[in-house]
PDB file of all heavy atoms in Angstrom:
ATOM      1  N   GLY A   1     270.557  64.731 217.319  1.00  0.00           N
ATOM      2  CA  GLY A   1     270.712  65.959 218.141  1.00  0.00           C
ATOM      3  C   GLY A   1     271.945  66.779 217.806  1.00  0.00           C
ATOM      4  O   GLY A   1     272.532  66.538 216.732  1.00  0.00           O
ATOM      5  N   LEU A   2     272.287  67.665 218.657  1.00  0.00           N
ATOM      6  CA  LEU A   2     273.411  68.539 218.532  1.00  0.00           C
ATOM      7  C   LEU A   2     274.500  68.121 219.589  1.00  0.00           C
ATOM      8  O   LEU A   2     274.120  68.049 220.714  1.00  0.00           O
ATOM      9  CB  LEU A   2     272.994  70.007 218.769  1.00  0.00           C
ATOM     10  CG  LEU A   2     274.115  71.035 218.841  1.00  0.00           C
ATOM     11  CD1 LEU A   2     274.841  71.135 217.475  1.00  0.00           C
ATOM     12  CD2 LEU A   2     273.564  72.383 219.168  1.00  0.00           C
ATOM     13  N   VAL A   3     275.682  67.870 219.117  1.00  0.00           N
ATOM     14  CA  VAL A   3     276.734  67.511 219.943  1.00  0.00           C
ATOM     15  C   VAL A   3     278.073  68.209 219.608  1.00  0.00           C
ATOM     16  O   VAL A   3     278.208  68.723 218.469  1.00  0.00           O
ATOM     17  CB  VAL A   3     277.054  66.020 220.021  1.00  0.00           C
ATOM     18  CG1 VAL A   3     275.801  65.282 220.448  1.00  0.00           C
ATOM     19  CG2 VAL A   3     277.430  65.502 218.558  1.00  0.00           C
ATOM     20  N   GLN A   4     278.949  68.389 220.528  1.00  0.00           N
ATOM     21  CA  GLN A   4     280.284  68.870 220.267  1.00  0.00           C
ATOM     22  C   GLN A   4     281.178  67.868 219.521  1.00  0.00           C
ATOM     23  O   GLN A   4     280.974  66.691 219.708  1.00  0.00           O
ATOM     24  CB  GLN A   4     280.909  69.316 221.535  1.00  0.00           C
ATOM     25  CG  GLN A   4     280.277  70.436 222.223  1.00  0.00           C
ATOM     26  CD  GLN A   4     280.543  71.745 221.610  1.00  0.00           C
ATOM     27  OE1 GLN A   4     279.747  72.272 220.889  1.00  0.00           O
ATOM     28  NE2 GLN A   4     281.812  72.319 221.948  1.00  0.00           N
ATOM     29  N   ALA A   5     282.145  68.329 218.773  1.00  0.00           N
ATOM     30  CA  ALA A   5     283.113  67.343 218.187  1.00  0.00           C
ATOM     31  C   ALA A   5     283.768  66.531 219.204  1.00  0.00           C
ATOM     32  O   ALA A   5     284.071  66.952 220.340  1.00  0.00           O
ATOM     33  CB  ALA A   5     284.162  68.164 217.443  1.00  0.00           C
ATOM     34  N   GLY A   6     283.812  65.219 218.938  1.00  0.00           N
ATOM     35  CA  GLY A   6     284.320  64.253 219.906  1.00  0.00           C
ATOM     36  C   GLY A   6     283.272  63.580 220.668  1.00  0.00           C
ATOM     37  O   GLY A   6     283.580  62.572 221.430  1.00  0.00           O
ATOM     38  N   GLY A   7     282.090  64.075 220.638  1.00  0.00           N
ATOM     39  CA  GLY A   7     280.990  63.501 221.448  1.00  0.00           C
ATOM     40  C   GLY A   7     280.396  62.271 220.759  1.00  0.00           C
ATOM     41  O   GLY A   7     280.817  61.790 219.674  1.00  0.00           O
ATOM     42  N   SER A   8     279.377  61.716 221.292  1.00  0.00           N
ATOM     43  CA  SER A   8     278.664  60.583 220.871  1.00  0.00           C
ATOM     44  C   SER A   8     277.164  60.628 220.765  1.00  0.00           C
ATOM     45  O   SER A   8     276.599  61.496 221.516  1.00  0.00           O
ATOM     46  CB  SER A   8     279.048  59.348 221.783  1.00  0.00           C
ATOM     47  OG  SER A   8     280.365  58.993 221.822  1.00  0.00           O
ATOM     48  N   LEU A   9     276.550  59.944 219.845  1.00  0.00           N
ATOM     49  CA  LEU A   9     275.112  59.881 219.704  1.00  0.00           C
ATOM     50  C   LEU A   9     274.813  58.412 219.387  1.00  0.00           C
ATOM     51  O   LEU A   9     275.555  57.703 218.721  1.00  0.00           O
ATOM     52  CB  LEU A   9     274.567  60.727 218.611  1.00  0.00           C
ATOM     53  CG  LEU A   9     274.468  62.167 218.917  1.00  0.00           C
ATOM     54  CD1 LEU A   9     274.053  62.957 217.620  1.00  0.00           C
ATOM     55  CD2 LEU A   9     273.493  62.459 220.073  1.00  0.00           C
ATOM     56  N   ARG A  10     273.621  58.032 219.748  1.00  0.00           N
ATOM     57  CA  ARG A  10     273.114  56.673 219.408  1.00  0.00           C
ATOM     58  C   ARG A  10     271.794  56.801 218.728  1.00  0.00           C
ATOM     59  O   ARG A  10     270.818  57.324 219.342  1.00  0.00           O
ATOM     60  CB  ARG A  10     272.883  55.874 220.679  1.00  0.00           C
ATOM     61  CG  ARG A  10     272.490  54.432 220.442  1.00  0.00           C
ATOM     62  CD  ARG A  10     272.423  53.741 221.832  1.00  0.00           C
ATOM     63  NE  ARG A  10     271.962  52.349 221.739  1.00  0.00           N
ATOM     64  CZ  ARG A  10     272.706  51.273 221.553  1.00  0.00           C
ATOM     65  NH1 ARG A  10     273.988  51.457 221.435  1.00  0.00           N
ATOM     66  NH2 ARG A  10     272.176  50.076 221.470  1.00  0.00           N
ATOM     67  N   LEU A  11     271.722  56.344 217.446  1.00  0.00           N
ATOM     68  CA  LEU A  11     270.493  56.462 216.663  1.00  0.00           C
ATOM     69  C   LEU A  11     269.792  55.103 216.661  1.00  0.00           C
ATOM     70  O   LEU A  11     270.477  54.002 216.682  1.00  0.00           O
ATOM     71  CB  LEU A  11     270.813  56.770 215.222  1.00  0.00           C
ATOM     72  CG  LEU A  11     271.606  58.041 214.977  1.00  0.00           C
ATOM     73  CD1 LEU A  11     271.700  58.347 213.456  1.00  0.00           C
ATOM     74  CD2 LEU A  11     270.919  59.244 215.625  1.00  0.00           C
ATOM     75  N   SER A  12     268.494  55.173 216.727  1.00  0.00           N
ATOM     76  CA  SER A  12     267.695  53.969 216.791  1.00  0.00           C
ATOM     77  C   SER A  12     266.547  54.031 215.737  1.00  0.00           C
ATOM     78  O   SER A  12     266.037  55.156 215.499  1.00  0.00           O
ATOM     79  CB  SER A  12     267.026  53.819 218.198  1.00  0.00           C
ATOM     80  OG  SER A  12     266.166  52.689 218.197  1.00  0.00           O
ATOM     81  N   CYS A  13     266.298  52.977 215.153  1.00  0.00           N
ATOM     82  CA  CYS A  13     265.268  52.834 214.052  1.00  0.00           C
ATOM     83  C   CYS A  13     264.446  51.544 214.297  1.00  0.00           C
ATOM     84  O   CYS A  13     265.055  50.486 214.304  1.00  0.00           O
ATOM     85  CB  CYS A  13     265.918  52.863 212.656  1.00  0.00           C
ATOM     86  SG  CYS A  13     264.711  52.513 211.403  1.00  0.00           S
ATOM     87  N   ALA A  14     263.186  51.752 214.554  1.00  0.00           N
ATOM     88  CA  ALA A  14     262.318  50.625 214.836  1.00  0.00           C
ATOM     89  C   ALA A  14     261.238  50.484 213.723  1.00  0.00           C
ATOM     90  O   ALA A  14     260.612  51.441 213.391  1.00  0.00           O
ATOM     91  CB  ALA A  14     261.599  50.794 216.129  1.00  0.00           C
ATOM     92  N   ALA A  15     261.165  49.359 213.176  1.00  0.00           N
ATOM     93  CA  ALA A  15     260.172  49.013 212.072  1.00  0.00           C
ATOM     94  C   ALA A  15     258.892  48.557 212.751  1.00  0.00           C
ATOM     95  O   ALA A  15     258.918  47.736 213.720  1.00  0.00           O
ATOM     96  CB  ALA A  15     260.642  48.017 211.037  1.00  0.00           C
ATOM     97  N   SER A  16     257.741  48.966 212.279  1.00  0.00           N
ATOM     98  CA  SER A  16     256.489  48.550 212.810  1.00  0.00           C
ATOM     99  C   SER A  16     255.555  48.338 211.612  1.00  0.00           C
ATOM    100  O   SER A  16     255.642  48.832 210.635  1.00  0.00           O
ATOM    101  CB  SER A  16     255.914  49.611 213.828  1.00  0.00           C
ATOM    102  OG  SER A  16     255.769  50.781 213.184  1.00  0.00           O
ATOM    103  N   GLY A  17     254.453  47.619 211.985  1.00  0.00           N
ATOM    104  CA  GLY A  17     253.437  47.321 210.995  1.00  0.00           C
ATOM    105  C   GLY A  17     253.361  45.844 210.863  1.00  0.00           C
ATOM    106  O   GLY A  17     253.651  45.056 211.588  1.00  0.00           O
ATOM    107  N   ASN A  18     252.696  45.475 209.690  1.00  0.00           N
ATOM    108  CA  ASN A  18     252.356  44.054 209.422  1.00  0.00           C
ATOM    109  C   ASN A  18     253.564  43.469 208.782  1.00  0.00           C
ATOM    110  O   ASN A  18     253.603  43.168 207.524  1.00  0.00           O
ATOM    111  CB  ASN A  18     251.167  43.988 208.508  1.00  0.00           C
ATOM    112  CG  ASN A  18     250.589  42.541 208.393  1.00  0.00           C
ATOM    113  OD1 ASN A  18     250.870  41.768 209.260  1.00  0.00           O
ATOM    114  ND2 ASN A  18     249.880  42.309 207.340  1.00  0.00           N
ATOM    115  N   ILE A  19     254.610  43.156 209.614  1.00  0.00           N
ATOM    116  CA  ILE A  19     255.869  42.671 209.075  1.00  0.00           C
ATOM    117  C   ILE A  19     256.029  41.169 208.979  1.00  0.00           C
ATOM    118  O   ILE A  19     255.630  40.480 210.040  1.00  0.00           O
ATOM    119  CB  ILE A  19     257.060  43.299 209.908  1.00  0.00           C
ATOM    120  CG1 ILE A  19     256.981  44.775 209.902  1.00  0.00           C
ATOM    121  CG2 ILE A  19     258.383  42.682 209.390  1.00  0.00           C
ATOM    122  CD1 ILE A  19     257.853  45.447 210.882  1.00  0.00           C
ATOM    123  N   PHE A  20     256.388  40.571 207.939  1.00  0.00           N
ATOM    124  CA  PHE A  20     256.637  39.212 207.835  1.00  0.00           C
ATOM    125  C   PHE A  20     258.169  38.844 207.992  1.00  0.00           C
ATOM    126  O   PHE A  20     258.441  38.066 208.821  1.00  0.00           O
ATOM    127  CB  PHE A  20     256.282  38.684 206.450  1.00  0.00           C
ATOM    128  CG  PHE A  20     256.567  37.164 206.292  1.00  0.00           C
ATOM    129  CD1 PHE A  20     255.621  36.317 206.810  1.00  0.00           C
ATOM    130  CD2 PHE A  20     257.586  36.700 205.568  1.00  0.00           C
ATOM    131  CE1 PHE A  20     255.850  34.921 206.695  1.00  0.00           C
ATOM    132  CE2 PHE A  20     257.832  35.336 205.394  1.00  0.00           C
ATOM    133  CZ  PHE A  20     256.948  34.429 206.010  1.00  0.00           C
ATOM    134  N   SER A  21     258.965  39.683 207.481  1.00  0.00           N
ATOM    135  CA  SER A  21     260.378  39.585 207.625  1.00  0.00           C
ATOM    136  C   SER A  21     261.216  40.784 207.176  1.00  0.00           C
ATOM    137  O   SER A  21     260.595  41.518 206.434  1.00  0.00           O
ATOM    138  CB  SER A  21     260.888  38.281 206.878  1.00  0.00           C
ATOM    139  OG  SER A  21     260.793  38.392 205.495  1.00  0.00           O
ATOM    140  N   ILE A  22     262.394  40.954 207.624  1.00  0.00           N
ATOM    141  CA  ILE A  22     263.176  42.000 207.260  1.00  0.00           C
ATOM    142  C   ILE A  22     264.562  41.546 206.805  1.00  0.00           C
ATOM    143  O   ILE A  22     265.174  40.660 207.542  1.00  0.00           O
ATOM    144  CB  ILE A  22     263.393  43.065 208.419  1.00  0.00           C
ATOM    145  CG1 ILE A  22     262.070  43.593 208.862  1.00  0.00           C
ATOM    146  CG2 ILE A  22     264.326  44.155 208.031  1.00  0.00           C
ATOM    147  CD1 ILE A  22     262.235  44.546 210.129  1.00  0.00           C
ATOM    148  N   ASN A  23     265.040  41.942 205.674  1.00  0.00           N
ATOM    149  CA  ASN A  23     266.387  41.565 205.169  1.00  0.00           C
ATOM    150  C   ASN A  23     267.400  42.512 205.625  1.00  0.00           C
ATOM    151  O   ASN A  23     267.539  42.757 206.754  1.00  0.00           O
ATOM    152  CB  ASN A  23     266.321  41.351 203.682  1.00  0.00           C
ATOM    153  CG  ASN A  23     267.473  40.605 203.132  1.00  0.00           C
ATOM    154  OD1 ASN A  23     268.236  40.035 203.917  1.00  0.00           O
ATOM    155  ND2 ASN A  23     267.581  40.378 201.768  1.00  0.00           N
ATOM    156  N   ASN A  24     268.075  43.171 204.634  1.00  0.00           N
ATOM    157  CA  ASN A  24     269.137  44.156 205.052  1.00  0.00           C
ATOM    158  C   ASN A  24     268.562  45.388 205.603  1.00  0.00           C
ATOM    159  O   ASN A  24     267.438  45.819 205.251  1.00  0.00           O
ATOM    160  CB  ASN A  24     269.974  44.430 203.748  1.00  0.00           C
ATOM    161  CG  ASN A  24     270.691  43.287 203.239  1.00  0.00           C
ATOM    162  OD1 ASN A  24     270.874  42.277 203.822  1.00  0.00           O
ATOM    163  ND2 ASN A  24     271.210  43.440 201.951  1.00  0.00           N
ATOM    164  N   MET A  25     269.378  45.948 206.457  1.00  0.00           N
ATOM    165  CA  MET A  25     268.958  47.286 207.091  1.00  0.00           C
ATOM    166  C   MET A  25     270.298  48.133 207.061  1.00  0.00           C
ATOM    167  O   MET A  25     271.434  47.612 206.987  1.00  0.00           O
ATOM    168  CB  MET A  25     268.502  47.105 208.542  1.00  0.00           C
ATOM    169  CG  MET A  25     267.356  46.121 208.722  1.00  0.00           C
ATOM    170  SD  MET A  25     266.772  46.002 210.480  1.00  0.00           S
ATOM    171  CE  MET A  25     265.802  47.512 210.497  1.00  0.00           C
ATOM    172  N   GLY A  26     270.031  49.478 207.152  1.00  0.00           N
ATOM    173  CA  GLY A  26     271.201  50.369 207.044  1.00  0.00           C
ATOM    174  C   GLY A  26     270.860  51.810 207.414  1.00  0.00           C
ATOM    175  O   GLY A  26     269.648  52.192 207.667  1.00  0.00           O
ATOM    176  N   TRP A  27     271.897  52.582 207.465  1.00  0.00           N
ATOM    177  CA  TRP A  27     271.836  54.017 207.733  1.00  0.00           C
ATOM    178  C   TRP A  27     272.526  54.792 206.652  1.00  0.00           C
ATOM    179  O   TRP A  27     273.570  54.429 206.221  1.00  0.00           O
ATOM    180  CB  TRP A  27     272.440  54.327 209.125  1.00  0.00           C
ATOM    181  CG  TRP A  27     271.681  53.915 210.250  1.00  0.00           C
ATOM    182  CD1 TRP A  27     271.856  52.787 211.044  1.00  0.00           C
ATOM    183  CD2 TRP A  27     270.610  54.612 210.896  1.00  0.00           C
ATOM    184  NE1 TRP A  27     270.942  52.727 211.956  1.00  0.00           N
ATOM    185  CE2 TRP A  27     270.211  53.850 212.051  1.00  0.00           C
ATOM    186  CE3 TRP A  27     269.999  55.858 210.677  1.00  0.00           C
ATOM    187  CZ2 TRP A  27     269.163  54.220 212.827  1.00  0.00           C
ATOM    188  CZ3 TRP A  27     268.967  56.285 211.523  1.00  0.00           C
ATOM    189  CH2 TRP A  27     268.503  55.475 212.626  1.00  0.00           C
ATOM    190  N   TYR A  28     271.749  55.780 206.186  1.00  0.00           N
ATOM    191  CA  TYR A  28     272.325  56.707 205.070  1.00  0.00           C
ATOM    192  C   TYR A  28     272.324  58.050 205.733  1.00  0.00           C
ATOM    193  O   TYR A  28     271.627  58.393 206.745  1.00  0.00           O
ATOM    194  CB  TYR A  28     271.424  56.726 203.908  1.00  0.00           C
ATOM    195  CG  TYR A  28     271.542  55.439 203.022  1.00  0.00           C
ATOM    196  CD1 TYR A  28     270.888  54.271 203.557  1.00  0.00           C
ATOM    197  CD2 TYR A  28     272.217  55.426 201.844  1.00  0.00           C
ATOM    198  CE1 TYR A  28     270.987  53.083 202.722  1.00  0.00           C
ATOM    199  CE2 TYR A  28     272.261  54.202 201.145  1.00  0.00           C
ATOM    200  CZ  TYR A  28     271.643  53.063 201.605  1.00  0.00           C
ATOM    201  OH  TYR A  28     271.717  51.971 200.853  1.00  0.00           O
ATOM    202  N   ARG A  29     273.087  58.961 205.192  1.00  0.00           N
ATOM    203  CA  ARG A  29     273.045  60.376 205.565  1.00  0.00           C
ATOM    204  C   ARG A  29     273.236  61.281 204.470  1.00  0.00           C
ATOM    205  O   ARG A  29     273.663  60.965 203.387  1.00  0.00           O
ATOM    206  CB  ARG A  29     274.132  60.677 206.588  1.00  0.00           C
ATOM    207  CG  ARG A  29     275.597  60.666 206.041  1.00  0.00           C
ATOM    208  CD  ARG A  29     276.629  60.760 207.166  1.00  0.00           C
ATOM    209  NE  ARG A  29     277.962  60.818 206.721  1.00  0.00           N
ATOM    210  CZ  ARG A  29     279.023  60.696 207.410  1.00  0.00           C
ATOM    211  NH1 ARG A  29     278.924  60.612 208.777  1.00  0.00           N
ATOM    212  NH2 ARG A  29     280.238  60.692 206.905  1.00  0.00           N
ATOM    213  N   GLN A  30     272.708  62.459 204.566  1.00  0.00           N
ATOM    214  CA  GLN A  30     272.720  63.449 203.543  1.00  0.00           C
ATOM    215  C   GLN A  30     272.987  64.870 204.178  1.00  0.00           C
ATOM    216  O   GLN A  30     272.175  65.326 204.950  1.00  0.00           O
ATOM    217  CB  GLN A  30     271.430  63.495 202.695  1.00  0.00           C
ATOM    218  CG  GLN A  30     271.472  64.390 201.432  1.00  0.00           C
ATOM    219  CD  GLN A  30     270.330  64.082 200.559  1.00  0.00           C
ATOM    220  OE1 GLN A  30     269.275  63.655 200.986  1.00  0.00           O
ATOM    221  NE2 GLN A  30     270.487  64.437 199.221  1.00  0.00           N
ATOM    222  N   ALA A  31     274.007  65.572 203.677  1.00  0.00           N
ATOM    223  CA  ALA A  31     274.298  66.913 204.050  1.00  0.00           C
ATOM    224  C   ALA A  31     273.728  67.812 203.011  1.00  0.00           C
ATOM    225  O   ALA A  31     273.543  67.472 201.791  1.00  0.00           O
ATOM    226  CB  ALA A  31     275.813  67.143 204.212  1.00  0.00           C
ATOM    227  N   PRO A  32     273.461  69.109 203.364  1.00  0.00           N
ATOM    228  CA  PRO A  32     272.833  70.062 202.418  1.00  0.00           C
ATOM    229  C   PRO A  32     273.739  70.199 201.126  1.00  0.00           C
ATOM    230  O   PRO A  32     274.990  70.392 201.317  1.00  0.00           O
ATOM    231  CB  PRO A  32     272.763  71.312 203.141  1.00  0.00           C
ATOM    232  CG  PRO A  32     272.616  70.884 204.516  1.00  0.00           C
ATOM    233  CD  PRO A  32     273.512  69.654 204.736  1.00  0.00           C
ATOM    234  N   GLY A  33     273.218  70.045 200.007  1.00  0.00           N
ATOM    235  CA  GLY A  33     274.001  70.124 198.742  1.00  0.00           C
ATOM    236  C   GLY A  33     274.820  69.025 198.424  1.00  0.00           C
ATOM    237  O   GLY A  33     275.543  69.069 197.373  1.00  0.00           O
ATOM    238  N   LYS A  34     274.685  67.920 199.168  1.00  0.00           N
ATOM    239  CA  LYS A  34     275.478  66.720 198.873  1.00  0.00           C
ATOM    240  C   LYS A  34     274.541  65.545 198.570  1.00  0.00           C
ATOM    241  O   LYS A  34     273.394  65.521 199.008  1.00  0.00           O
ATOM    242  CB  LYS A  34     276.365  66.392 200.119  1.00  0.00           C
ATOM    243  CG  LYS A  34     277.487  67.462 200.285  1.00  0.00           C
ATOM    244  CD  LYS A  34     278.305  67.054 201.466  1.00  0.00           C
ATOM    245  CE  LYS A  34     279.433  68.118 201.785  1.00  0.00           C
ATOM    246  NZ  LYS A  34     280.251  67.662 202.882  1.00  0.00           N
ATOM    247  N   GLN A  35     275.101  64.471 197.996  1.00  0.00           N
ATOM    248  CA  GLN A  35     274.339  63.306 197.706  1.00  0.00           C
ATOM    249  C   GLN A  35     274.264  62.481 198.965  1.00  0.00           C
ATOM    250  O   GLN A  35     275.079  62.511 199.841  1.00  0.00           O
ATOM    251  CB  GLN A  35     275.068  62.436 196.608  1.00  0.00           C
ATOM    252  CG  GLN A  35     275.190  63.174 195.259  1.00  0.00           C
ATOM    253  CD  GLN A  35     273.875  63.494 194.669  1.00  0.00           C
ATOM    254  OE1 GLN A  35     273.131  62.564 194.592  1.00  0.00           O
ATOM    255  NE2 GLN A  35     273.698  64.648 194.148  1.00  0.00           N
ATOM    256  N   ARG A  36     273.079  61.722 198.990  1.00  0.00           N
ATOM    257  CA  ARG A  36     272.969  60.761 200.090  1.00  0.00           C
ATOM    258  C   ARG A  36     273.903  59.599 199.972  1.00  0.00           C
ATOM    259  O   ARG A  36     274.108  59.073 198.929  1.00  0.00           O
ATOM    260  CB  ARG A  36     271.474  60.265 200.026  1.00  0.00           C
ATOM    261  CG  ARG A  36     271.158  59.353 201.240  1.00  0.00           C
ATOM    262  CD  ARG A  36     269.653  58.862 201.147  1.00  0.00           C
ATOM    263  NE  ARG A  36     268.719  59.954 201.288  1.00  0.00           N
ATOM    264  CZ  ARG A  36     267.437  59.895 201.407  1.00  0.00           C
ATOM    265  NH1 ARG A  36     266.899  58.663 201.442  1.00  0.00           N
ATOM    266  NH2 ARG A  36     266.727  60.951 201.554  1.00  0.00           N
ATOM    267  N   GLU A  37     274.585  59.296 201.075  1.00  0.00           N
ATOM    268  CA  GLU A  37     275.527  58.242 201.070  1.00  0.00           C
ATOM    269  C   GLU A  37     275.259  57.166 202.129  1.00  0.00           C
ATOM    270  O   GLU A  37     274.685  57.481 203.173  1.00  0.00           O
ATOM    271  CB  GLU A  37     276.965  58.877 201.354  1.00  0.00           C
ATOM    272  CG  GLU A  37     277.068  59.441 202.739  1.00  0.00           C
ATOM    273  CD  GLU A  37     278.517  59.962 203.006  1.00  0.00           C
ATOM    274  OE1 GLU A  37     279.427  59.504 202.339  1.00  0.00           O
ATOM    275  OE2 GLU A  37     278.592  60.762 203.980  1.00  0.00           O
ATOM    276  N   LEU A  38     275.736  56.013 201.881  1.00  0.00           N
ATOM    277  CA  LEU A  38     275.605  54.881 202.843  1.00  0.00           C
ATOM    278  C   LEU A  38     276.562  55.049 203.906  1.00  0.00           C
ATOM    279  O   LEU A  38     277.787  55.205 203.666  1.00  0.00           O
ATOM    280  CB  LEU A  38     275.790  53.530 202.158  1.00  0.00           C
ATOM    281  CG  LEU A  38     275.794  52.288 203.062  1.00  0.00           C
ATOM    282  CD1 LEU A  38     274.358  52.133 203.622  1.00  0.00           C
ATOM    283  CD2 LEU A  38     276.214  51.068 202.291  1.00  0.00           C
ATOM    284  N   VAL A  39     276.067  55.036 205.146  1.00  0.00           N
ATOM    285  CA  VAL A  39     277.010  55.143 206.300  1.00  0.00           C
ATOM    286  C   VAL A  39     277.414  53.792 206.827  1.00  0.00           C
ATOM    287  O   VAL A  39     278.578  53.436 207.013  1.00  0.00           O
ATOM    288  CB  VAL A  39     276.373  55.981 207.456  1.00  0.00           C
ATOM    289  CG1 VAL A  39     277.251  55.986 208.604  1.00  0.00           C
ATOM    290  CG2 VAL A  39     276.012  57.392 206.912  1.00  0.00           C
TER     291      VAL A  39
END
């Protein structure tokens, strides 16, 4: 969403489907004109 500087957000990611197991998980971000980076 949209927040003011100094504010907070909580991102959630849920995996679904025919899952046996999950190893590593993570969040990446990408700004326009920039490379995707690990957060």
